[in-house]
Amino acid sequence: LKQLMRMVMHKTHTTTRSDLLQTFASVESRFAAAKQNIAQKENNFISS
């Protein structure tokens, strides 16, 4: 996170709303693949 902060604070480019939305659109597939299925643990817990 420190490295992340340094990258942000030293950037000279002005990031606009349009830039932000394009960034999220470009990584949509990565989020779709990042699904953590813990249904079995939840079911065991509720049954208990």
ModelCIF file with pLDDT and N, C-alpha, C, O atoms, coordinates in Angstrom:
data_MODEL
#
_entry.id   MODEL 
#
_entity.id                         1 
_entity.type                       polymer 
_entity.pdbx_number_of_molecules   1 
#
_entity_poly.entity_id                      1 
_entity_poly.type                           'polypeptide(L)' 
_entity_poly.nstd_linkage                   no 
_entity_poly.nstd_monomer                   no 
_entity_poly.pdbx_seq_one_letter_code       LKQLMRMVMHKTHTTTRSDLLQTFASVESRFAAAKQNIAQKENNFISS 
_entity_poly.pdbx_seq_one_letter_code_can   LKQLMRMVMHKTHTTTRSDLLQTFASVESRFAAAKQNIAQKENNFISS 
_entity_poly.pdbx_strand_id                 A 
#
loop_
_entity_poly_seq.entity_id 
_entity_poly_seq.num 
_entity_poly_seq.mon_id 
_entity_poly_seq.hetero 
1 1  LEU n 
1 2  LYS n 
1 3  GLN n 
1 4  LEU n 
1 5  MET n 
1 6  ARG n 
1 7  MET n 
1 8  VAL n 
1 9  MET n 
1 10 HIS n 
1 11 LYS n 
1 12 THR n 
1 13 HIS n 
1 14 THR n 
1 15 THR n 
1 16 THR n 
1 17 ARG n 
1 18 SER n 
1 19 ASP n 
1 20 LEU n 
1 21 LEU n 
1 22 GLN n 
1 23 THR n 
1 24 PHE n 
1 25 ALA n 
1 26 SER n 
1 27 VAL n 
1 28 GLU n 
1 29 SER n 
1 30 ARG n 
1 31 PHE n 
1 32 ALA n 
1 33 ALA n 
1 34 ALA n 
1 35 LYS n 
1 36 GLN n 
1 37 ASN n 
1 38 ILE n 
1 39 ALA n 
1 40 GLN n 
1 41 LYS n 
1 42 GLU n 
1 43 ASN n 
1 44 ASN n 
1 45 PHE n 
1 46 ILE n 
1 47 SER n 
1 48 SER n 
#
_struct_asym.id          A 
_struct_asym.entity_id   1 
#
loop_
_ma_qa_metric.id 
_ma_qa_metric.mode 
_ma_qa_metric.name 
_ma_qa_metric.software_group_id 
_ma_qa_metric.type 
1 global pLDDT . pLDDT 
2 local  pLDDT . pLDDT 
#
_ma_qa_metric_global.metric_id      1 
_ma_qa_metric_global.metric_value   74.44 
_ma_qa_metric_global.model_id       1 
_ma_qa_metric_global.ordinal_id     1 
#
loop_
_ma_qa_metric_local.label_asym_id 
_ma_qa_metric_local.label_comp_id 
_ma_qa_metric_local.label_seq_id 
_ma_qa_metric_local.metric_id 
_ma_qa_metric_local.metric_value 
_ma_qa_metric_local.model_id 
_ma_qa_metric_local.ordinal_id 
A LEU 1  2 42.00 1 1  
A LYS 2  2 45.00 1 2  
A GLN 3  2 43.00 1 3  
A LEU 4  2 42.00 1 4  
A MET 5  2 47.00 1 5  
A ARG 6  2 47.00 1 6  
A MET 7  2 43.00 1 7  
A VAL 8  2 43.00 1 8  
A MET 9  2 47.00 1 9  
A HIS 10 2 49.00 1 10 
A LYS 11 2 54.00 1 11 
A THR 12 2 57.00 1 12 
A HIS 13 2 72.00 1 13 
A THR 14 2 86.00 1 14 
A THR 15 2 90.00 1 15 
A THR 16 2 92.00 1 16 
A ARG 17 2 92.00 1 17 
A SER 18 2 91.00 1 18 
A ASP 19 2 93.00 1 19 
A LEU 20 2 93.00 1 20 
A LEU 21 2 92.00 1 21 
A GLN 22 2 93.00 1 22 
A THR 23 2 93.00 1 23 
A PHE 24 2 92.00 1 24 
A ALA 25 2 91.00 1 25 
A SER 26 2 91.00 1 26 
A VAL 27 2 89.00 1 27 
A GLU 28 2 88.00 1 28 
A SER 29 2 87.00 1 29 
A ARG 30 2 85.00 1 30 
A PHE 31 2 83.00 1 31 
A ALA 32 2 80.00 1 32 
A ALA 33 2 80.00 1 33 
A ALA 34 2 74.00 1 34 
A LYS 35 2 71.00 1 35 
A GLN 36 2 70.00 1 36 
A ASN 37 2 68.00 1 37 
A ILE 38 2 76.00 1 38 
A ALA 39 2 75.00 1 39 
A GLN 40 2 79.00 1 40 
A LYS 41 2 79.00 1 41 
A GLU 42 2 79.00 1 42 
A ASN 43 2 81.00 1 43 
A ASN 44 2 81.00 1 44 
A PHE 45 2 79.00 1 45 
A ILE 46 2 80.00 1 46 
A SER 47 2 85.00 1 47 
A SER 48 2 84.00 1 48 
#
loop_
_atom_site.group_PDB 
_atom_site.id 
_atom_site.type_symbol 
_atom_site.label_atom_id 
_atom_site.label_alt_id 
_atom_site.label_comp_id 
_atom_site.label_asym_id 
_atom_site.label_entity_id 
_atom_site.label_seq_id 
_atom_site.pdbx_PDB_ins_code 
_atom_site.Cartn_x 
_atom_site.Cartn_y 
_atom_site.Cartn_z 
_atom_site.occupancy 
_atom_site.B_iso_or_equiv 
_atom_site.pdbx_formal_charge 
_atom_site.auth_seq_id 
_atom_site.auth_comp_id 
_atom_site.auth_asym_id 
_atom_site.auth_atom_id 
_atom_site.pdbx_PDB_model_num 
ATOM 1   N N  . LEU A 1 1  ? 0.828   -1.209  0.000   1.00 42.00 ? 1  LEU A N  1 
ATOM 2   C CA . LEU A 1 1  ? 0.000   0.000   0.000   1.00 42.00 ? 1  LEU A CA 1 
ATOM 3   C C  . LEU A 1 1  ? 0.865   1.263   0.000   1.00 42.00 ? 1  LEU A C  1 
ATOM 4   O O  . LEU A 1 1  ? 0.507   2.272   -0.607  1.00 42.00 ? 1  LEU A O  1 
ATOM 5   N N  . LYS A 1 2  ? 2.011   1.193   0.692   1.00 45.00 ? 2  LYS A N  1 
ATOM 6   C CA . LYS A 1 2  ? 2.927   2.342   0.637   1.00 45.00 ? 2  LYS A CA 1 
ATOM 7   C C  . LYS A 1 2  ? 3.392   2.605   -0.786  1.00 45.00 ? 2  LYS A C  1 
ATOM 8   O O  . LYS A 1 2  ? 3.449   3.748   -1.241  1.00 45.00 ? 2  LYS A O  1 
ATOM 9   N N  . GLN A 1 3  ? 3.719   1.528   -1.470  1.00 43.00 ? 3  GLN A N  1 
ATOM 10  C CA . GLN A 1 3  ? 4.147   1.662   -2.866  1.00 43.00 ? 3  GLN A CA 1 
ATOM 11  C C  . GLN A 1 3  ? 3.012   2.221   -3.719  1.00 43.00 ? 3  GLN A C  1 
ATOM 12  O O  . GLN A 1 3  ? 3.230   3.048   -4.604  1.00 43.00 ? 3  GLN A O  1 
ATOM 13  N N  . LEU A 1 4  ? 1.813   1.759   -3.437  1.00 42.00 ? 4  LEU A N  1 
ATOM 14  C CA . LEU A 1 4  ? 0.632   2.243   -4.156  1.00 42.00 ? 4  LEU A CA 1 
ATOM 15  C C  . LEU A 1 4  ? 0.456   3.731   -3.939  1.00 42.00 ? 4  LEU A C  1 
ATOM 16  O O  . LEU A 1 4  ? 0.180   4.472   -4.882  1.00 42.00 ? 4  LEU A O  1 
ATOM 17  N N  . MET A 1 5  ? 0.613   4.177   -2.690  1.00 47.00 ? 5  MET A N  1 
ATOM 18  C CA . MET A 1 5  ? 0.465   5.591   -2.390  1.00 47.00 ? 5  MET A CA 1 
ATOM 19  C C  . MET A 1 5  ? 1.523   6.430   -3.113  1.00 47.00 ? 5  MET A C  1 
ATOM 20  O O  . MET A 1 5  ? 1.223   7.504   -3.636  1.00 47.00 ? 5  MET A O  1 
ATOM 21  N N  . ARG A 1 6  ? 2.747   5.936   -3.137  1.00 47.00 ? 6  ARG A N  1 
ATOM 22  C CA . ARG A 1 6  ? 3.812   6.691   -3.820  1.00 47.00 ? 6  ARG A CA 1 
ATOM 23  C C  . ARG A 1 6  ? 3.490   6.838   -5.304  1.00 47.00 ? 6  ARG A C  1 
ATOM 24  O O  . ARG A 1 6  ? 3.719   7.893   -5.896  1.00 47.00 ? 6  ARG A O  1 
ATOM 25  N N  . MET A 1 7  ? 2.963   5.786   -5.890  1.00 43.00 ? 7  MET A N  1 
ATOM 26  C CA . MET A 1 7  ? 2.612   5.836   -7.317  1.00 43.00 ? 7  MET A CA 1 
ATOM 27  C C  . MET A 1 7  ? 1.533   6.891   -7.568  1.00 43.00 ? 7  MET A C  1 
ATOM 28  O O  . MET A 1 7  ? 1.592   7.649   -8.536  1.00 43.00 ? 7  MET A O  1 
ATOM 29  N N  . VAL A 1 8  ? 0.555   6.917   -6.673  1.00 43.00 ? 8  VAL A N  1 
ATOM 30  C CA . VAL A 1 8  ? -0.554  7.857   -6.863  1.00 43.00 ? 8  VAL A CA 1 
ATOM 31  C C  . VAL A 1 8  ? -0.087  9.294   -6.672  1.00 43.00 ? 8  VAL A C  1 
ATOM 32  O O  . VAL A 1 8  ? -0.382  10.165  -7.490  1.00 43.00 ? 8  VAL A O  1 
ATOM 33  N N  . MET A 1 9  ? 0.639   9.533   -5.591  1.00 47.00 ? 9  MET A N  1 
ATOM 34  C CA . MET A 1 9  ? 0.998   10.899  -5.242  1.00 47.00 ? 9  MET A CA 1 
ATOM 35  C C  . MET A 1 9  ? 2.011   11.510  -6.209  1.00 47.00 ? 9  MET A C  1 
ATOM 36  O O  . MET A 1 9  ? 2.104   12.735  -6.291  1.00 47.00 ? 9  MET A O  1 
ATOM 37  N N  . HIS A 1 10 ? 2.772   10.697  -6.943  1.00 49.00 ? 10 HIS A N  1 
ATOM 38  C CA . HIS A 1 10 ? 3.782   11.238  -7.848  1.00 49.00 ? 10 HIS A CA 1 
ATOM 39  C C  . HIS A 1 10 ? 3.353   11.211  -9.321  1.00 49.00 ? 10 HIS A C  1 
ATOM 40  O O  . HIS A 1 10 ? 4.142   11.520  -10.214 1.00 49.00 ? 10 HIS A O  1 
ATOM 41  N N  . LYS A 1 11 ? 2.094   10.838  -9.555  1.00 54.00 ? 11 LYS A N  1 
ATOM 42  C CA . LYS A 1 11 ? 1.629   10.827  -10.944 1.00 54.00 ? 11 LYS A CA 1 
ATOM 43  C C  . LYS A 1 11 ? 1.365   12.253  -11.414 1.00 54.00 ? 11 LYS A C  1 
ATOM 44  O O  . LYS A 1 11 ? 0.846   13.079  -10.663 1.00 54.00 ? 11 LYS A O  1 
ATOM 45  N N  . THR A 1 12 ? 1.724   12.530  -12.651 1.00 57.00 ? 12 THR A N  1 
ATOM 46  C CA . THR A 1 12 ? 1.479   13.870  -13.223 1.00 57.00 ? 12 THR A CA 1 
ATOM 47  C C  . THR A 1 12 ? 0.217   13.891  -14.060 1.00 57.00 ? 12 THR A C  1 
ATOM 48  O O  . THR A 1 12 ? -0.311  14.964  -14.349 1.00 57.00 ? 12 THR A O  1 
ATOM 49  N N  . HIS A 1 13 ? -0.278  12.730  -14.455 1.00 72.00 ? 13 HIS A N  1 
ATOM 50  C CA . HIS A 1 13 ? -1.492  12.655  -15.260 1.00 72.00 ? 13 HIS A CA 1 
ATOM 51  C C  . HIS A 1 13 ? -2.726  12.906  -14.392 1.00 72.00 ? 13 HIS A C  1 
ATOM 52  O O  . HIS A 1 13 ? -2.824  12.379  -13.284 1.00 72.00 ? 13 HIS A O  1 
ATOM 53  N N  . THR A 1 14 ? -3.671  13.713  -14.899 1.00 86.00 ? 14 THR A N  1 
ATOM 54  C CA . THR A 1 14 ? -4.928  13.952  -14.198 1.00 86.00 ? 14 THR A CA 1 
ATOM 55  C C  . THR A 1 14 ? -5.924  12.872  -14.590 1.00 86.00 ? 14 THR A C  1 
ATOM 56  O O  . THR A 1 14 ? -6.323  12.774  -15.750 1.00 86.00 ? 14 THR A O  1 
ATOM 57  N N  . THR A 1 15 ? -6.321  12.065  -13.620 1.00 90.00 ? 15 THR A N  1 
ATOM 58  C CA . THR A 1 15 ? -7.260  10.981  -13.888 1.00 90.00 ? 15 THR A CA 1 
ATOM 59  C C  . THR A 1 15 ? -8.686  11.500  -13.792 1.00 90.00 ? 15 THR A C  1 
ATOM 60  O O  . THR A 1 15 ? -9.103  12.005  -12.750 1.00 90.00 ? 15 THR A O  1 
ATOM 61  N N  . THR A 1 16 ? -9.421  11.375  -14.871 1.00 92.00 ? 16 THR A N  1 
ATOM 62  C CA . THR A 1 16 ? -10.792 11.863  -14.929 1.00 92.00 ? 16 THR A CA 1 
ATOM 63  C C  . THR A 1 16 ? -11.777 10.726  -14.661 1.00 92.00 ? 16 THR A C  1 
ATOM 64  O O  . THR A 1 16 ? -11.398 9.561   -14.541 1.00 92.00 ? 16 THR A O  1 
ATOM 65  N N  . ARG A 1 17 ? -13.038 11.099  -14.574 1.00 92.00 ? 17 ARG A N  1 
ATOM 66  C CA . ARG A 1 17 ? -14.092 10.095  -14.396 1.00 92.00 ? 17 ARG A CA 1 
ATOM 67  C C  . ARG A 1 17 ? -14.058 9.084   -15.535 1.00 92.00 ? 17 ARG A C  1 
ATOM 68  O O  . ARG A 1 17 ? -14.203 7.885   -15.297 1.00 92.00 ? 17 ARG A O  1 
ATOM 69  N N  . SER A 1 18 ? -13.871 9.542   -16.746 1.00 91.00 ? 18 SER A N  1 
ATOM 70  C CA . SER A 1 18 ? -13.831 8.663   -17.911 1.00 91.00 ? 18 SER A CA 1 
ATOM 71  C C  . SER A 1 18 ? -12.679 7.671   -17.800 1.00 91.00 ? 18 SER A C  1 
ATOM 72  O O  . SER A 1 18 ? -12.836 6.491   -18.115 1.00 91.00 ? 18 SER A O  1 
ATOM 73  N N  . ASP A 1 19 ? -11.522 8.152   -17.353 1.00 93.00 ? 19 ASP A N  1 
ATOM 74  C CA . ASP A 1 19 ? -10.370 7.261   -17.157 1.00 93.00 ? 19 ASP A CA 1 
ATOM 75  C C  . ASP A 1 19 ? -10.693 6.181   -16.122 1.00 93.00 ? 19 ASP A C  1 
ATOM 76  O O  . ASP A 1 19 ? -10.342 5.015   -16.300 1.00 93.00 ? 19 ASP A O  1 
ATOM 77  N N  . LEU A 1 20 ? -11.355 6.577   -15.056 1.00 93.00 ? 20 LEU A N  1 
ATOM 78  C CA . LEU A 1 20 ? -11.702 5.634   -13.993 1.00 93.00 ? 20 LEU A CA 1 
ATOM 79  C C  . LEU A 1 20 ? -12.602 4.524   -14.528 1.00 93.00 ? 20 LEU A C  1 
ATOM 80  O O  . LEU A 1 20 ? -12.343 3.344   -14.289 1.00 93.00 ? 20 LEU A O  1 
ATOM 81  N N  . LEU A 1 21 ? -13.649 4.892   -15.245 1.00 92.00 ? 21 LEU A N  1 
ATOM 82  C CA . LEU A 1 21 ? -14.595 3.889   -15.741 1.00 92.00 ? 21 LEU A CA 1 
ATOM 83  C C  . LEU A 1 21 ? -13.947 2.968   -16.761 1.00 92.00 ? 21 LEU A C  1 
ATOM 84  O O  . LEU A 1 21 ? -14.274 1.782   -16.820 1.00 92.00 ? 21 LEU A O  1 
ATOM 85  N N  . GLN A 1 22 ? -13.030 3.498   -17.566 1.00 93.00 ? 22 GLN A N  1 
ATOM 86  C CA . GLN A 1 22 ? -12.320 2.657   -18.531 1.00 93.00 ? 22 GLN A CA 1 
ATOM 87  C C  . GLN A 1 22 ? -11.439 1.637   -17.804 1.00 93.00 ? 22 GLN A C  1 
ATOM 88  O O  . GLN A 1 22 ? -11.317 0.492   -18.239 1.00 93.00 ? 22 GLN A O  1 
ATOM 89  N N  . THR A 1 23 ? -10.826 2.061   -16.692 1.00 93.00 ? 23 THR A N  1 
ATOM 90  C CA . THR A 1 23 ? -9.994  1.142   -15.913 1.00 93.00 ? 23 THR A CA 1 
ATOM 91  C C  . THR A 1 23 ? -10.817 -0.020  -15.393 1.00 93.00 ? 23 THR A C  1 
ATOM 92  O O  . THR A 1 23 ? -10.411 -1.175  -15.524 1.00 93.00 ? 23 THR A O  1 
ATOM 93  N N  . PHE A 1 24 ? -11.970 0.269   -14.803 1.00 92.00 ? 24 PHE A N  1 
ATOM 94  C CA . PHE A 1 24 ? -12.809 -0.799  -14.267 1.00 92.00 ? 24 PHE A CA 1 
ATOM 95  C C  . PHE A 1 24 ? -13.311 -1.722  -15.376 1.00 92.00 ? 24 PHE A C  1 
ATOM 96  O O  . PHE A 1 24 ? -13.372 -2.938  -15.196 1.00 92.00 ? 24 PHE A O  1 
ATOM 97  N N  . ALA A 1 25 ? -13.665 -1.152  -16.505 1.00 91.00 ? 25 ALA A N  1 
ATOM 98  C CA . ALA A 1 25 ? -14.140 -1.982  -17.614 1.00 91.00 ? 25 ALA A CA 1 
ATOM 99  C C  . ALA A 1 25 ? -13.049 -2.925  -18.096 1.00 91.00 ? 25 ALA A C  1 
ATOM 100 O O  . ALA A 1 25 ? -13.332 -4.047  -18.517 1.00 91.00 ? 25 ALA A O  1 
ATOM 101 N N  . SER A 1 26 ? -11.800 -2.471  -18.034 1.00 91.00 ? 26 SER A N  1 
ATOM 102 C CA . SER A 1 26 ? -10.696 -3.290  -18.541 1.00 91.00 ? 26 SER A CA 1 
ATOM 103 C C  . SER A 1 26 ? -10.381 -4.484  -17.637 1.00 91.00 ? 26 SER A C  1 
ATOM 104 O O  . SER A 1 26 ? -9.777  -5.459  -18.085 1.00 91.00 ? 26 SER A O  1 
ATOM 105 N N  . VAL A 1 27 ? -10.789 -4.409  -16.362 1.00 89.00 ? 27 VAL A N  1 
ATOM 106 C CA . VAL A 1 27 ? -10.484 -5.514  -15.439 1.00 89.00 ? 27 VAL A CA 1 
ATOM 107 C C  . VAL A 1 27 ? -11.739 -6.287  -15.042 1.00 89.00 ? 27 VAL A C  1 
ATOM 108 O O  . VAL A 1 27 ? -11.703 -7.092  -14.110 1.00 89.00 ? 27 VAL A O  1 
ATOM 109 N N  . GLU A 1 28 ? -12.839 -6.050  -15.737 1.00 88.00 ? 28 GLU A N  1 
ATOM 110 C CA . GLU A 1 28 ? -14.097 -6.713  -15.392 1.00 88.00 ? 28 GLU A CA 1 
ATOM 111 C C  . GLU A 1 28 ? -13.949 -8.238  -15.387 1.00 88.00 ? 28 GLU A C  1 
ATOM 112 O O  . GLU A 1 28 ? -14.453 -8.907  -14.485 1.00 88.00 ? 28 GLU A O  1 
ATOM 113 N N  . SER A 1 29 ? -13.273 -8.775  -16.374 1.00 87.00 ? 29 SER A N  1 
ATOM 114 C CA . SER A 1 29 ? -13.145 -10.228 -16.477 1.00 87.00 ? 29 SER A CA 1 
ATOM 115 C C  . SER A 1 29 ? -12.365 -10.804 -15.298 1.00 87.00 ? 29 SER A C  1 
ATOM 116 O O  . SER A 1 29 ? -12.634 -11.928 -14.876 1.00 87.00 ? 29 SER A O  1 
ATOM 117 N N  . ARG A 1 30 ? -11.406 -10.056 -14.762 1.00 85.00 ? 30 ARG A N  1 
ATOM 118 C CA . ARG A 1 30 ? -10.632 -10.522 -13.616 1.00 85.00 ? 30 ARG A CA 1 
ATOM 119 C C  . ARG A 1 30 ? -11.516 -10.613 -12.367 1.00 85.00 ? 30 ARG A C  1 
ATOM 120 O O  . ARG A 1 30 ? -11.400 -11.547 -11.573 1.00 85.00 ? 30 ARG A O  1 
ATOM 121 N N  . PHE A 1 31 ? -12.393 -9.632  -12.214 1.00 83.00 ? 31 PHE A N  1 
ATOM 122 C CA . PHE A 1 31 ? -13.313 -9.685  -11.072 1.00 83.00 ? 31 PHE A CA 1 
ATOM 123 C C  . PHE A 1 31 ? -14.296 -10.843 -11.217 1.00 83.00 ? 31 PHE A C  1 
ATOM 124 O O  . PHE A 1 31 ? -14.620 -11.520 -10.242 1.00 83.00 ? 31 PHE A O  1 
ATOM 125 N N  . ALA A 1 32 ? -14.760 -11.059 -12.432 1.00 80.00 ? 32 ALA A N  1 
ATOM 126 C CA . ALA A 1 32 ? -15.723 -12.139 -12.669 1.00 80.00 ? 32 ALA A CA 1 
ATOM 127 C C  . ALA A 1 32 ? -15.116 -13.498 -12.332 1.00 80.00 ? 32 ALA A C  1 
ATOM 128 O O  . ALA A 1 32 ? -15.818 -14.409 -11.895 1.00 80.00 ? 32 ALA A O  1 
ATOM 129 N N  . ALA A 1 33 ? -13.803 -13.626 -12.540 1.00 80.00 ? 33 ALA A N  1 
ATOM 130 C CA . ALA A 1 33 ? -13.133 -14.897 -12.262 1.00 80.00 ? 33 ALA A CA 1 
ATOM 131 C C  . ALA A 1 33 ? -12.803 -15.067 -10.776 1.00 80.00 ? 33 ALA A C  1 
ATOM 132 O O  . ALA A 1 33 ? -12.543 -16.177 -10.310 1.00 80.00 ? 33 ALA A O  1 
ATOM 133 N N  . ALA A 1 34 ? -12.818 -13.946 -10.038 1.00 74.00 ? 34 ALA A N  1 
ATOM 134 C CA . ALA A 1 34 ? -12.403 -13.975 -8.631  1.00 74.00 ? 34 ALA A CA 1 
ATOM 135 C C  . ALA A 1 34 ? -13.602 -14.214 -7.728  1.00 74.00 ? 34 ALA A C  1 
ATOM 136 O O  . ALA A 1 34 ? -14.041 -13.320 -7.004  1.00 74.00 ? 34 ALA A O  1 
ATOM 137 N N  . LYS A 1 35 ? -14.118 -15.422 -7.782  1.00 71.00 ? 35 LYS A N  1 
ATOM 138 C CA . LYS A 1 35 ? -15.266 -15.766 -6.942  1.00 71.00 ? 35 LYS A CA 1 
ATOM 139 C C  . LYS A 1 35 ? -14.845 -16.798 -5.907  1.00 71.00 ? 35 LYS A C  1 
ATOM 140 O O  . LYS A 1 35 ? -14.324 -17.862 -6.244  1.00 71.00 ? 35 LYS A O  1 
ATOM 141 N N  . GLN A 1 36 ? -15.073 -16.476 -4.678  1.00 70.00 ? 36 GLN A N  1 
ATOM 142 C CA . GLN A 1 36 ? -14.716 -17.367 -3.579  1.00 70.00 ? 36 GLN A CA 1 
ATOM 143 C C  . GLN A 1 36 ? -15.971 -18.103 -3.131  1.00 70.00 ? 36 GLN A C  1 
ATOM 144 O O  . GLN A 1 36 ? -16.888 -17.488 -2.587  1.00 70.00 ? 36 GLN A O  1 
ATOM 145 N N  . ASN A 1 37 ? -16.020 -19.403 -3.352  1.00 68.00 ? 37 ASN A N  1 
ATOM 146 C CA . ASN A 1 37 ? -17.209 -20.171 -3.009  1.00 68.00 ? 37 ASN A CA 1 
ATOM 147 C C  . ASN A 1 37 ? -17.042 -20.787 -1.619  1.00 68.00 ? 37 ASN A C  1 
ATOM 148 O O  . ASN A 1 37 ? -16.275 -21.732 -1.431  1.00 68.00 ? 37 ASN A O  1 
ATOM 149 N N  . ILE A 1 38 ? -17.757 -20.247 -0.675  1.00 76.00 ? 38 ILE A N  1 
ATOM 150 C CA . ILE A 1 38 ? -17.691 -20.771 0.688   1.00 76.00 ? 38 ILE A CA 1 
ATOM 151 C C  . ILE A 1 38 ? -19.073 -21.264 1.122   1.00 76.00 ? 38 ILE A C  1 
ATOM 152 O O  . ILE A 1 38 ? -19.385 -21.323 2.312   1.00 76.00 ? 38 ILE A O  1 
ATOM 153 N N  . ALA A 1 39 ? -19.887 -21.613 0.132   1.00 75.00 ? 39 ALA A N  1 
ATOM 154 C CA . ALA A 1 39 ? -21.265 -22.022 0.428   1.00 75.00 ? 39 ALA A CA 1 
ATOM 155 C C  . ALA A 1 39 ? -21.319 -23.210 1.373   1.00 75.00 ? 39 ALA A C  1 
ATOM 156 O O  . ALA A 1 39 ? -22.181 -23.262 2.250   1.00 75.00 ? 39 ALA A O  1 
ATOM 157 N N  . GLN A 1 40 ? -20.397 -24.180 1.205   1.00 79.00 ? 40 GLN A N  1 
ATOM 158 C CA . GLN A 1 40 ? -20.436 -25.371 2.046   1.00 79.00 ? 40 GLN A CA 1 
ATOM 159 C C  . GLN A 1 40 ? -20.165 -25.026 3.511   1.00 79.00 ? 40 GLN A C  1 
ATOM 160 O O  . GLN A 1 40 ? -20.813 -25.562 4.411   1.00 79.00 ? 40 GLN A O  1 
ATOM 161 N N  . LYS A 1 41 ? -19.209 -24.135 3.743   1.00 79.00 ? 41 LYS A N  1 
ATOM 162 C CA . LYS A 1 41 ? -18.918 -23.704 5.111   1.00 79.00 ? 41 LYS A CA 1 
ATOM 163 C C  . LYS A 1 41 ? -20.127 -22.981 5.710   1.00 79.00 ? 41 LYS A C  1 
ATOM 164 O O  . LYS A 1 41 ? -20.482 -23.192 6.870   1.00 79.00 ? 41 LYS A O  1 
ATOM 165 N N  . GLU A 1 42 ? -20.739 -22.141 4.911   1.00 79.00 ? 42 GLU A N  1 
ATOM 166 C CA . GLU A 1 42 ? -21.915 -21.410 5.396   1.00 79.00 ? 42 GLU A CA 1 
ATOM 167 C C  . GLU A 1 42 ? -23.053 -22.380 5.715   1.00 79.00 ? 42 GLU A C  1 
ATOM 168 O O  . GLU A 1 42 ? -23.729 -22.230 6.733   1.00 79.00 ? 42 GLU A O  1 
ATOM 169 N N  . ASN A 1 43 ? -23.263 -23.358 4.861   1.00 81.00 ? 43 ASN A N  1 
ATOM 170 C CA . ASN A 1 43 ? -24.333 -24.332 5.090   1.00 81.00 ? 43 ASN A CA 1 
ATOM 171 C C  . ASN A 1 43 ? -24.075 -25.161 6.358   1.00 81.00 ? 43 ASN A C  1 
ATOM 172 O O  . ASN A 1 43 ? -24.991 -25.414 7.141   1.00 81.00 ? 43 ASN A O  1 
ATOM 173 N N  . ASN A 1 44 ? -22.819 -25.579 6.546   1.00 81.00 ? 44 ASN A N  1 
ATOM 174 C CA . ASN A 1 44 ? -22.479 -26.336 7.747   1.00 81.00 ? 44 ASN A CA 1 
ATOM 175 C C  . ASN A 1 44 ? -22.713 -25.511 9.010   1.00 81.00 ? 44 ASN A C  1 
ATOM 176 O O  . ASN A 1 44 ? -23.197 -26.008 10.027  1.00 81.00 ? 44 ASN A O  1 
ATOM 177 N N  . PHE A 1 45 ? -22.358 -24.254 8.908   1.00 79.00 ? 45 PHE A N  1 
ATOM 178 C CA . PHE A 1 45 ? -22.529 -23.360 10.049  1.00 79.00 ? 45 PHE A CA 1 
ATOM 179 C C  . PHE A 1 45 ? -24.010 -23.183 10.393  1.00 79.00 ? 45 PHE A C  1 
ATOM 180 O O  . PHE A 1 45 ? -24.393 -23.288 11.558  1.00 79.00 ? 45 PHE A O  1 
ATOM 181 N N  . ILE A 1 46 ? -24.827 -22.920 9.398   1.00 80.00 ? 46 ILE A N  1 
ATOM 182 C CA . ILE A 1 46 ? -26.260 -22.712 9.630   1.00 80.00 ? 46 ILE A CA 1 
ATOM 183 C C  . ILE A 1 46 ? -26.919 -23.993 10.126  1.00 80.00 ? 46 ILE A C  1 
ATOM 184 O O  . ILE A 1 46 ? -27.794 -23.944 10.991  1.00 80.00 ? 46 ILE A O  1 
ATOM 185 N N  . SER A 1 47 ? -26.505 -25.146 9.584   1.00 85.00 ? 47 SER A N  1 
ATOM 186 C CA . SER A 1 47 ? -27.044 -26.426 10.054  1.00 85.00 ? 47 SER A CA 1 
ATOM 187 C C  . SER A 1 47 ? -26.693 -26.662 11.523  1.00 85.00 ? 47 SER A C  1 
ATOM 188 O O  . SER A 1 47 ? -27.503 -27.184 12.289  1.00 85.00 ? 47 SER A O  1 
ATOM 189 N N  . SER A 1 48 ? -25.484 -26.272 11.902  1.00 84.00 ? 48 SER A N  1 
ATOM 190 C CA . SER A 1 48 ? -25.063 -26.435 13.290  1.00 84.00 ? 48 SER A CA 1 
ATOM 191 C C  . SER A 1 48 ? -25.882 -25.546 14.215  1.00 84.00 ? 48 SER A C  1 
ATOM 192 O O  . SER A 1 48 ? -25.666 -25.550 15.427  1.00 84.00 ? 48 SER A O  1 
#
